C-alpha atoms as a PDB file:
ATOM      1  CA  UNK A   1      24.404 -29.330 -40.406  1.00  0.00           C
ATOM      2  CA  UNK A   2      27.143 -26.857 -39.603  1.00  0.00           C
ATOM      3  CA  UNK A   3      29.307 -29.522 -37.969  1.00  0.00           C
ATOM      4  CA  UNK A   4      28.920 -31.816 -40.961  1.00  0.00           C
ATOM      5  CA  UNK A   5      29.728 -29.113 -43.492  1.00  0.00           C
ATOM      6  CA  UNK A   6      32.769 -28.014 -41.483  1.00  0.00           C
ATOM      7  CA  UNK A   7      34.082 -31.566 -41.097  1.00  0.00           C
ATOM      8  CA  UNK A   8      33.512 -32.415 -44.759  1.00  0.00           C
ATOM      9  CA  UNK A   9      35.207 -29.209 -45.862  1.00  0.00           C
ATOM     10  CA  UNK A  10      38.248 -29.955 -43.702  1.00  0.00           C
ATOM     11  CA  UNK A  11      38.581 -33.512 -45.000  1.00  0.00           C
ATOM     12  CA  UNK A  12      38.174 -32.348 -48.597  1.00  0.00           C
ATOM     13  CA  UNK A  13      40.953 -29.776 -48.113  1.00  0.00           C
ATOM     14  CA  UNK A  14      43.269 -32.290 -46.464  1.00  0.00           C
ATOM     15  CA  UNK A  15      42.578 -34.907 -49.128  1.00  0.00           C
ATOM     16  CA  UNK A  16      43.229 -32.375 -51.899  1.00  0.00           C
ATOM     17  CA  UNK A  17      46.530 -31.447 -50.280  1.00  0.00           C
ATOM     18  CA  UNK A  18      47.644 -35.020 -49.693  1.00  0.00           C
ATOM     19  CA  UNK A  19      50.414 -35.821 -52.156  1.00  0.00           C
ATOM     20  CA  UNK A  20      49.948 -39.571 -52.433  1.00  0.00           C
ATOM     21  CA  UNK A  21      47.691 -41.098 -55.024  1.00  0.00           C
ATOM     22  CA  UNK A  22      45.768 -44.204 -54.042  1.00  0.00           C
ATOM     23  CA  UNK A  23      43.262 -46.334 -55.951  1.00  0.00           C
ATOM     24  CA  UNK A  24      40.066 -45.198 -54.225  1.00  0.00           C
ATOM     25  CA  UNK A  25      40.831 -41.496 -53.957  1.00  0.00           C
ATOM     26  CA  UNK A  26      38.147 -40.669 -56.545  1.00  0.00           C
ATOM     27  CA  UNK A  27      35.534 -42.556 -54.535  1.00  0.00           C
ATOM     28  CA  UNK A  28      36.406 -40.548 -51.432  1.00  0.00           C
ATOM     29  CA  UNK A  29      36.241 -37.277 -53.354  1.00  0.00           C
ATOM     30  CA  UNK A  30      32.867 -38.179 -54.903  1.00  0.00           C
ATOM     31  CA  UNK A  31      31.351 -39.203 -51.577  1.00  0.00           C
ATOM     32  CA  UNK A  32      32.659 -36.097 -49.825  1.00  0.00           C
ATOM     33  CA  UNK A  33      30.988 -34.025 -52.551  1.00  0.00           C
ATOM     34  CA  UNK A  34      27.769 -35.985 -51.972  1.00  0.00           C
ATOM     35  CA  UNK A  35      27.955 -35.378 -48.203  1.00  0.00           C
ATOM     36  CA  UNK A  36      28.514 -31.690 -48.789  1.00  0.00           C
ATOM     37  CA  UNK A  37      25.525 -31.512 -51.127  1.00  0.00           C
ATOM     38  CA  UNK A  38      23.307 -33.347 -48.631  1.00  0.00           C
ATOM     39  CA  UNK A  39      24.363 -31.014 -45.835  1.00  0.00           C
ATOM     40  CA  UNK A  40      23.736 -27.963 -48.000  1.00  0.00           C
ATOM     41  CA  UNK A  41      20.354 -29.283 -49.081  1.00  0.00           C
ATOM     42  CA  UNK A  42      18.785 -29.409 -45.640  1.00  0.00           C
ATOM     43  CA  UNK A  43      17.615 -32.637 -44.057  1.00  0.00           C
ATOM     44  CA  UNK A  44      19.845 -35.423 -45.343  1.00  0.00           C
ATOM     45  CA  UNK A  45      18.842 -39.075 -45.401  1.00  0.00           C
ATOM     46  CA  UNK A  46      20.599 -40.809 -42.510  1.00  0.00           C
ATOM     47  CA  UNK A  47      21.152 -44.118 -44.348  1.00  0.00           C
ATOM     48  CA  UNK A  48      22.735 -42.225 -47.255  1.00  0.00           C
ATOM     49  CA  UNK A  49      24.980 -40.269 -44.851  1.00  0.00           C
ATOM     50  CA  UNK A  50      26.150 -43.507 -43.266  1.00  0.00           C
ATOM     51  CA  UNK A  51      26.716 -45.166 -46.646  1.00  0.00           C
ATOM     52  CA  UNK A  52      28.865 -42.255 -47.768  1.00  0.00           C
ATOM     53  CA  UNK A  53      30.804 -42.354 -44.514  1.00  0.00           C
ATOM     54  CA  UNK A  54      31.511 -46.078 -44.966  1.00  0.00           C
ATOM     55  CA  UNK A  55      32.675 -45.559 -48.537  1.00  0.00           C
ATOM     56  CA  UNK A  56      34.943 -42.686 -47.508  1.00  0.00           C
ATOM     57  CA  UNK A  57      36.372 -44.658 -44.587  1.00  0.00           C
ATOM     58  CA  UNK A  58      37.010 -47.623 -46.854  1.00  0.00           C
ATOM     59  CA  UNK A  59      38.671 -45.437 -49.452  1.00  0.00           C
ATOM     60  CA  UNK A  60      40.993 -43.442 -47.177  1.00  0.00           C
ATOM     61  CA  UNK A  61      40.944 -45.323 -43.891  1.00  0.00           C
ATOM     62  CA  UNK A  62      44.520 -46.513 -44.302  1.00  0.00           C
ATOM     63  CA  UNK A  63      45.892 -42.991 -44.857  1.00  0.00           C
ATOM     64  CA  UNK A  64      46.924 -42.054 -41.329  1.00  0.00           C
ATOM     65  CA  UNK A  65      47.488 -38.403 -42.220  1.00  0.00           C
ATOM     66  CA  UNK A  66      43.736 -38.076 -42.846  1.00  0.00           C
ATOM     67  CA  UNK A  67      42.573 -39.977 -39.750  1.00  0.00           C
ATOM     68  CA  UNK A  68      41.749 -36.937 -37.619  1.00  0.00           C
ATOM     69  CA  UNK A  69      39.695 -35.247 -40.328  1.00  0.00           C
ATOM     70  CA  UNK A  70      37.931 -38.535 -41.102  1.00  0.00           C
ATOM     71  CA  UNK A  71      37.089 -38.948 -37.409  1.00  0.00           C
ATOM     72  CA  UNK A  72      35.518 -35.476 -37.412  1.00  0.00           C
ATOM     73  CA  UNK A  73      33.277 -36.460 -40.335  1.00  0.00           C
ATOM     74  CA  UNK A  74      32.226 -39.629 -38.491  1.00  0.00           C
ATOM     75  CA  UNK A  75      31.401 -37.642 -35.348  1.00  0.00           C
ATOM     76  CA  UNK A  76      29.356 -35.172 -37.418  1.00  0.00           C
ATOM     77  CA  UNK A  77      27.416 -37.984 -39.116  1.00  0.00           C
ATOM     78  CA  UNK A  78      26.785 -39.586 -35.720  1.00  0.00           C
ATOM     79  CA  UNK A  79      25.055 -36.368 -34.588  1.00  0.00           C
ATOM     80  CA  UNK A  80      22.174 -37.269 -36.908  1.00  0.00           C
ATOM     81  CA  UNK A  81      21.491 -40.446 -34.957  1.00  0.00           C
ATOM     82  CA  UNK A  82      20.771 -43.948 -36.115  1.00  0.00           C
ATOM     83  CA  UNK A  83      18.715 -44.721 -39.201  1.00  0.00           C
ATOM     84  CA  UNK A  84      15.203 -45.993 -38.451  1.00  0.00           C
ATOM     85  CA  UNK A  85      14.987 -49.768 -38.230  1.00  0.00           C
ATOM     86  CA  UNK A  86      12.299 -51.836 -39.786  1.00  0.00           C
END
Protein backbone atom coordinates (compact mmCIF):
# COMPACT_ATOMS: atom_id res chain seq x y z
CA UNK A 1 0.00 0.00 0.00
CA UNK A 2 2.80 2.38 0.85
CA UNK A 3 4.33 2.09 -2.62
CA UNK A 4 0.99 2.78 -4.27
CA UNK A 5 0.22 5.79 -2.09
CA UNK A 6 3.70 7.21 -2.68
CA UNK A 7 3.52 6.72 -6.45
CA UNK A 8 0.01 8.17 -6.69
CA UNK A 9 0.99 11.16 -4.58
CA UNK A 10 4.00 11.86 -6.80
CA UNK A 11 1.97 11.64 -10.01
CA UNK A 12 -0.75 13.86 -8.56
CA UNK A 13 1.84 16.49 -7.62
CA UNK A 14 3.51 16.36 -11.02
CA UNK A 15 0.18 16.51 -12.83
CA UNK A 16 -0.92 19.49 -10.72
CA UNK A 17 2.32 21.28 -11.55
CA UNK A 18 2.19 20.52 -15.26
CA UNK A 19 1.32 23.72 -17.10
CA UNK A 20 -0.34 22.25 -20.17
CA UNK A 21 -4.04 21.59 -20.30
CA UNK A 22 -5.20 18.54 -22.20
CA UNK A 23 -8.67 17.09 -22.78
CA UNK A 24 -8.50 14.13 -20.40
CA UNK A 25 -6.71 15.81 -17.51
CA UNK A 26 -9.86 15.65 -15.36
CA UNK A 27 -10.14 11.90 -15.93
CA UNK A 28 -6.56 11.41 -14.77
CA UNK A 29 -7.14 13.54 -11.69
CA UNK A 30 -10.35 11.67 -10.81
CA UNK A 31 -8.75 8.25 -11.22
CA UNK A 32 -5.69 9.25 -9.21
CA UNK A 33 -8.04 10.34 -6.42
CA UNK A 34 -9.80 6.97 -6.68
CA UNK A 35 -6.48 5.10 -6.48
CA UNK A 36 -5.48 7.12 -3.45
CA UNK A 37 -8.79 6.37 -1.74
CA UNK A 38 -8.47 2.65 -2.49
CA UNK A 39 -4.94 2.58 -1.11
CA UNK A 40 -6.01 4.44 2.02
CA UNK A 41 -8.99 2.15 2.50
CA UNK A 42 -7.03 -1.07 2.90
CA UNK A 43 -7.38 -3.96 0.49
CA UNK A 44 -8.21 -2.53 -2.92
CA UNK A 45 -9.93 -4.49 -5.67
CA UNK A 46 -7.28 -5.50 -8.21
CA UNK A 47 -9.56 -5.15 -11.26
CA UNK A 48 -10.51 -1.63 -10.14
CA UNK A 49 -6.83 -0.73 -9.62
CA UNK A 50 -6.01 -1.92 -13.13
CA UNK A 51 -8.99 -0.09 -14.63
CA UNK A 52 -7.89 3.15 -13.00
CA UNK A 53 -4.34 2.62 -14.20
CA UNK A 54 -5.56 2.12 -17.79
CA UNK A 55 -7.69 5.25 -17.64
CA UNK A 56 -4.81 7.30 -16.23
CA UNK A 57 -2.38 5.95 -18.83
CA UNK A 58 -4.85 6.73 -21.60
CA UNK A 59 -5.42 10.22 -20.27
CA UNK A 60 -1.79 11.27 -19.75
CA UNK A 61 0.23 8.66 -21.60
CA UNK A 62 1.29 11.11 -24.29
CA UNK A 63 2.66 13.65 -21.79
CA UNK A 64 6.31 12.65 -21.68
CA UNK A 65 7.05 14.85 -18.66
CA UNK A 66 4.79 12.58 -16.58
CA UNK A 67 6.10 9.25 -17.92
CA UNK A 68 8.39 8.44 -14.99
CA UNK A 69 5.73 9.12 -12.36
CA UNK A 70 3.17 7.15 -14.39
CA UNK A 71 5.60 4.22 -14.60
CA UNK A 72 5.94 4.26 -10.81
CA UNK A 73 2.16 4.00 -10.44
CA UNK A 74 2.10 1.06 -12.86
CA UNK A 75 4.87 -0.71 -10.93
CA UNK A 76 2.98 -0.14 -7.66
CA UNK A 77 -0.26 -1.53 -9.12
CA UNK A 78 1.65 -4.54 -10.46
CA UNK A 79 2.74 -5.36 -6.89
CA UNK A 80 -0.85 -6.42 -6.19
CA UNK A 81 -0.63 -9.16 -8.80
CA UNK A 82 -3.06 -10.21 -11.47
CA UNK A 83 -6.81 -10.17 -10.99
CA UNK A 84 -8.36 -13.62 -10.52
CA UNK A 85 -9.50 -15.21 -13.77
CA UNK A 86 -12.76 -16.97 -14.23
